[in-house]
Amino acid sequence: MKTLLIILGVLVAISVVGFVVKTLFWIGVIGAIAFVAVGVAGALKGKKGPQALR
């Protein structure tokens, strides 16, 4: 019975770590897409020349 609980605990820990890694991966993908979108929007808007920050 004790061995079964240890195995169950290890499987739960692996599942939690896997969920966290997968979540961080998708957050990174969304961040990369947002970064590219902002860069494209800035390139399209900024064709008039350099502008100073206000």
PDB file of N, CA and C in Angstrom:
ATOM      1  N   MET A   1       0.822  -1.191   0.000  1.00  0.00           N
ATOM      2  CA  MET A   1       0.000   0.000   0.000  1.00  0.00           C
ATOM      3  C   MET A   1       0.869   1.259   0.000  1.00  0.00           C
ATOM      4  N   LYS A   2       1.959   1.233   0.770  1.00  0.00           N
ATOM      5  CA  LYS A   2       2.838   2.387   0.845  1.00  0.00           C
ATOM      6  C   LYS A   2       3.508   2.651  -0.509  1.00  0.00           C
ATOM      7  N   THR A   3       3.884   1.589  -1.210  1.00  0.00           N
ATOM      8  CA  THR A   3       4.512   1.724  -2.523  1.00  0.00           C
ATOM      9  C   THR A   3       3.535   2.350  -3.519  1.00  0.00           C
ATOM     10  N   LEU A   4       2.284   1.938  -3.447  1.00  0.00           N
ATOM     11  CA  LEU A   4       1.264   2.476  -4.335  1.00  0.00           C
ATOM     12  C   LEU A   4       1.084   3.980  -4.114  1.00  0.00           C
ATOM     13  N   LEU A   5       1.103   4.421  -2.870  1.00  0.00           N
ATOM     14  CA  LEU A   5       0.971   5.841  -2.565  1.00  0.00           C
ATOM     15  C   LEU A   5       2.180   6.636  -3.064  1.00  0.00           C
ATOM     16  N   ILE A   6       3.354   6.051  -2.972  1.00  0.00           N
ATOM     17  CA  ILE A   6       4.563   6.717  -3.471  1.00  0.00           C
ATOM     18  C   ILE A   6       4.482   6.879  -4.990  1.00  0.00           C
ATOM     19  N   ILE A   7       4.082   5.822  -5.680  1.00  0.00           N
ATOM     20  CA  ILE A   7       3.941   5.880  -7.135  1.00  0.00           C
ATOM     21  C   ILE A   7       2.887   6.907  -7.526  1.00  0.00           C
ATOM     22  N   LEU A   8       1.775   6.922  -6.802  1.00  0.00           N
ATOM     23  CA  LEU A   8       0.723   7.893  -7.075  1.00  0.00           C
ATOM     24  C   LEU A   8       1.228   9.327  -6.863  1.00  0.00           C
ATOM     25  N   GLY A   9       1.992   9.548  -5.820  1.00  0.00           N
ATOM     26  CA  GLY A   9       2.556  10.869  -5.560  1.00  0.00           C
ATOM     27  C   GLY A   9       3.517  11.316  -6.648  1.00  0.00           C
ATOM     28  N   VAL A  10       4.347  10.390  -7.129  1.00  0.00           N
ATOM     29  CA  VAL A  10       5.290  10.703  -8.203  1.00  0.00           C
ATOM     30  C   VAL A  10       4.532  11.051  -9.487  1.00  0.00           C
ATOM     31  N   LEU A  11       3.483  10.305  -9.798  1.00  0.00           N
ATOM     32  CA  LEU A  11       2.704  10.580 -10.996  1.00  0.00           C
ATOM     33  C   LEU A  11       1.997  11.928 -10.912  1.00  0.00           C
ATOM     34  N   VAL A  12       1.490  12.277  -9.746  1.00  0.00           N
ATOM     35  CA  VAL A  12       0.853  13.586  -9.567  1.00  0.00           C
ATOM     36  C   VAL A  12       1.886  14.697  -9.749  1.00  0.00           C
ATOM     37  N   ALA A  13       3.078  14.521  -9.184  1.00  0.00           N
ATOM     38  CA  ALA A  13       4.128  15.524  -9.319  1.00  0.00           C
ATOM     39  C   ALA A  13       4.536  15.698 -10.781  1.00  0.00           C
ATOM     40  N   ILE A  14       4.679  14.613 -11.504  1.00  0.00           N
ATOM     41  CA  ILE A  14       5.037  14.686 -12.926  1.00  0.00           C
ATOM     42  C   ILE A  14       3.933  15.380 -13.713  1.00  0.00           C
ATOM     43  N   SER A  15       2.681  15.107 -13.396  1.00  0.00           N
ATOM     44  CA  SER A  15       1.563  15.744 -14.083  1.00  0.00           C
ATOM     45  C   SER A  15       1.555  17.252 -13.847  1.00  0.00           C
ATOM     46  N   VAL A  16       1.802  17.669 -12.619  1.00  0.00           N
ATOM     47  CA  VAL A  16       1.818  19.099 -12.303  1.00  0.00           C
ATOM     48  C   VAL A  16       2.963  19.787 -13.026  1.00  0.00           C
ATOM     49  N   VAL A  17       4.136  19.191 -13.020  1.00  0.00           N
ATOM     50  CA  VAL A  17       5.281  19.779 -13.717  1.00  0.00           C
ATOM     51  C   VAL A  17       5.003  19.866 -15.219  1.00  0.00           C
ATOM     52  N   GLY A  18       4.419  18.851 -15.787  1.00  0.00           N
ATOM     53  CA  GLY A  18       4.075  18.863 -17.207  1.00  0.00           C
ATOM     54  C   GLY A  18       3.076  19.955 -17.542  1.00  0.00           C
ATOM     55  N   PHE A  19       2.075  20.137 -16.683  1.00  0.00           N
ATOM     56  CA  PHE A  19       1.081  21.189 -16.902  1.00  0.00           C
ATOM     57  C   PHE A  19       1.724  22.563 -16.849  1.00  0.00           C
ATOM     58  N   VAL A  20       2.621  22.785 -15.895  1.00  0.00           N
ATOM     59  CA  VAL A  20       3.297  24.086 -15.762  1.00  0.00           C
ATOM     60  C   VAL A  20       4.164  24.362 -16.986  1.00  0.00           C
ATOM     61  N   VAL A  21       4.907  23.364 -17.447  1.00  0.00           N
ATOM     62  CA  VAL A  21       5.780  23.544 -18.609  1.00  0.00           C
ATOM     63  C   VAL A  21       4.951  23.850 -19.851  1.00  0.00           C
ATOM     64  N   LYS A  22       3.850  23.125 -20.037  1.00  0.00           N
ATOM     65  CA  LYS A  22       2.992  23.354 -21.199  1.00  0.00           C
ATOM     66  C   LYS A  22       2.378  24.750 -21.145  1.00  0.00           C
ATOM     67  N   THR A  23       1.968  25.182 -19.963  1.00  0.00           N
ATOM     68  CA  THR A  23       1.388  26.518 -19.807  1.00  0.00           C
ATOM     69  C   THR A  23       2.421  27.593 -20.126  1.00  0.00           C
ATOM     70  N   LEU A  24       3.636  27.443 -19.616  1.00  0.00           N
ATOM     71  CA  LEU A  24       4.689  28.419 -19.901  1.00  0.00           C
ATOM     72  C   LEU A  24       5.030  28.461 -21.385  1.00  0.00           C
ATOM     73  N   PHE A  25       4.977  27.312 -22.036  1.00  0.00           N
ATOM     74  CA  PHE A  25       5.240  27.257 -23.476  1.00  0.00           C
ATOM     75  C   PHE A  25       4.213  28.092 -24.239  1.00  0.00           C
ATOM     76  N   TRP A  26       2.930  27.910 -23.912  1.00  0.00           N
ATOM     77  CA  TRP A  26       1.889  28.648 -24.628  1.00  0.00           C
ATOM     78  C   TRP A  26       1.928  30.135 -24.303  1.00  0.00           C
ATOM     79  N   ILE A  27       2.289  30.509 -23.087  1.00  0.00           N
ATOM     80  CA  ILE A  27       2.457  31.920 -22.759  1.00  0.00           C
ATOM     81  C   ILE A  27       3.587  32.513 -23.604  1.00  0.00           C
ATOM     82  N   GLY A  28       4.663  31.755 -23.789  1.00  0.00           N
ATOM     83  CA  GLY A  28       5.762  32.205 -24.641  1.00  0.00           C
ATOM     84  C   GLY A  28       5.340  32.358 -26.092  1.00  0.00           C
ATOM     85  N   VAL A  29       4.530  31.433 -26.592  1.00  0.00           N
ATOM     86  CA  VAL A  29       4.041  31.522 -27.973  1.00  0.00           C
ATOM     87  C   VAL A  29       3.178  32.770 -28.148  1.00  0.00           C
ATOM     88  N   ILE A  30       2.266  33.005 -27.213  1.00  0.00           N
ATOM     89  CA  ILE A  30       1.400  34.185 -27.287  1.00  0.00           C
ATOM     90  C   ILE A  30       2.229  35.463 -27.203  1.00  0.00           C
ATOM     91  N   GLY A  31       3.227  35.478 -26.334  1.00  0.00           N
ATOM     92  CA  GLY A  31       4.100  36.641 -26.223  1.00  0.00           C
ATOM     93  C   GLY A  31       4.871  36.900 -27.514  1.00  0.00           C
ATOM     94  N   ALA A  32       5.355  35.845 -28.156  1.00  0.00           N
ATOM     95  CA  ALA A  32       6.092  36.000 -29.413  1.00  0.00           C
ATOM     96  C   ALA A  32       5.184  36.545 -30.514  1.00  0.00           C
ATOM     97  N   ILE A  33       3.952  36.061 -30.571  1.00  0.00           N
ATOM     98  CA  ILE A  33       2.998  36.550 -31.570  1.00  0.00           C
ATOM     99  C   ILE A  33       2.694  38.024 -31.321  1.00  0.00           C
ATOM    100  N   ALA A  34       2.496  38.396 -30.061  1.00  0.00           N
ATOM    101  CA  ALA A  34       2.219  39.796 -29.726  1.00  0.00           C
ATOM    102  C   ALA A  34       3.418  40.671 -30.082  1.00  0.00           C
ATOM    103  N   PHE A  35       4.632  40.197 -29.826  1.00  0.00           N
ATOM    104  CA  PHE A  35       5.850  40.946 -30.150  1.00  0.00           C
ATOM    105  C   PHE A  35       5.941  41.216 -31.649  1.00  0.00           C
ATOM    106  N   VAL A  36       5.684  40.201 -32.454  1.00  0.00           N
ATOM    107  CA  VAL A  36       5.741  40.354 -33.910  1.00  0.00           C
ATOM    108  C   VAL A  36       4.639  41.306 -34.380  1.00  0.00           C
ATOM    109  N   ALA A  37       3.438  41.183 -33.811  1.00  0.00           N
ATOM    110  CA  ALA A  37       2.325  42.050 -34.209  1.00  0.00           C
ATOM    111  C   ALA A  37       2.629  43.515 -33.903  1.00  0.00           C
ATOM    112  N   VAL A  38       3.205  43.785 -32.743  1.00  0.00           N
ATOM    113  CA  VAL A  38       3.554  45.159 -32.385  1.00  0.00           C
ATOM    114  C   VAL A  38       4.658  45.679 -33.308  1.00  0.00           C
ATOM    115  N   GLY A  39       5.617  44.850 -33.625  1.00  0.00           N
ATOM    116  CA  GLY A  39       6.675  45.253 -34.552  1.00  0.00           C
ATOM    117  C   GLY A  39       6.145  45.582 -35.937  1.00  0.00           C
ATOM    118  N   VAL A  40       5.229  44.762 -36.439  1.00  0.00           N
ATOM    119  CA  VAL A  40       4.640  45.014 -37.759  1.00  0.00           C
ATOM    120  C   VAL A  40       3.813  46.294 -37.729  1.00  0.00           C
ATOM    121  N   ALA A  41       3.014  46.470 -36.677  1.00  0.00           N
ATOM    122  CA  ALA A  41       2.199  47.687 -36.560  1.00  0.00           C
ATOM    123  C   ALA A  41       3.090  48.921 -36.481  1.00  0.00           C
ATOM    124  N   GLY A  42       4.175  48.849 -35.746  1.00  0.00           N
ATOM    125  CA  GLY A  42       5.102  49.972 -35.651  1.00  0.00           C
ATOM    126  C   GLY A  42       5.784  50.258 -36.977  1.00  0.00           C
ATOM    127  N   ALA A  43       6.129  49.213 -37.713  1.00  0.00           N
ATOM    128  CA  ALA A  43       6.780  49.404 -39.005  1.00  0.00           C
ATOM    129  C   ALA A  43       5.824  50.035 -40.011  1.00  0.00           C
ATOM    130  N   LEU A  44       4.566  49.633 -39.983  1.00  0.00           N
ATOM    131  CA  LEU A  44       3.590  50.199 -40.910  1.00  0.00           C
ATOM    132  C   LEU A  44       3.249  51.642 -40.558  1.00  0.00           C
ATOM    133  N   LYS A  45       3.160  51.924 -39.274  1.00  0.00           N
ATOM    134  CA  LYS A  45       2.804  53.269 -38.834  1.00  0.00           C
ATOM    135  C   LYS A  45       3.996  54.216 -38.925  1.00  0.00           C
ATOM    136  N   GLY A  46       5.207  53.721 -38.745  1.00  0.00           N
ATOM    137  CA  GLY A  46       6.376  54.570 -38.644  1.00  0.00           C
ATOM    138  C   GLY A  46       7.091  54.854 -39.950  1.00  0.00           C
ATOM    139  N   LYS A  47       6.445  54.694 -41.089  1.00  0.00           N
ATOM    140  CA  LYS A  47       7.107  54.937 -42.378  1.00  0.00           C
ATOM    141  C   LYS A  47       7.306  56.420 -42.650  1.00  0.00           C
ATOM    142  N   LYS A  48       6.710  57.298 -41.869  1.00  0.00           N
ATOM    143  CA  LYS A  48       6.843  58.723 -42.074  1.00  0.00           C
ATOM    144  C   LYS A  48       8.202  59.241 -41.614  1.00  0.00           C
ATOM    145  N   GLY A  49       8.880  58.494 -40.813  1.00  0.00           N
ATOM    146  CA  GLY A  49      10.181  58.912 -40.306  1.00  0.00           C
ATOM    147  C   GLY A  49      10.228  58.729 -38.812  1.00  0.00           C
ATOM    148  N   PRO A  50      11.400  58.919 -38.223  1.00  0.00           N
ATOM    149  CA  PRO A  50      11.508  58.731 -36.767  1.00  0.00           C
ATOM    150  C   PRO A  50      10.720  59.786 -36.014  1.00  0.00           C
ATOM    151  N   GLN A  51      10.108  59.359 -34.917  1.00  0.00           N
ATOM    152  CA  GLN A  51       9.316  60.265 -34.089  1.00  0.00           C
ATOM    153  C   GLN A  51       9.853  60.227 -32.678  1.00  0.00           C
ATOM    154  N   ALA A  52       9.830  61.366 -32.025  1.00  0.00           N
ATOM    155  CA  ALA A  52      10.300  61.439 -30.635  1.00  0.00           C
ATOM    156  C   ALA A  52       9.210  60.950 -29.693  1.00  0.00           C
ATOM    157  N   LEU A  53       9.623  60.352 -28.609  1.00  0.00           N
ATOM    158  CA  LEU A  53       8.671  59.940 -27.582  1.00  0.00           C
ATOM    159  C   LEU A  53       8.227  61.156 -26.791  1.00  0.00           C
ATOM    160  N   ARG A  54       6.975  61.228 -26.471  1.00  0.00           N
ATOM    161  CA  ARG A  54       6.468  62.358 -25.698  1.00  0.00           C
ATOM    162  C   ARG A  54       6.053  61.912 -24.331  1.00  0.00           C
TER     163      ARG A  54
END
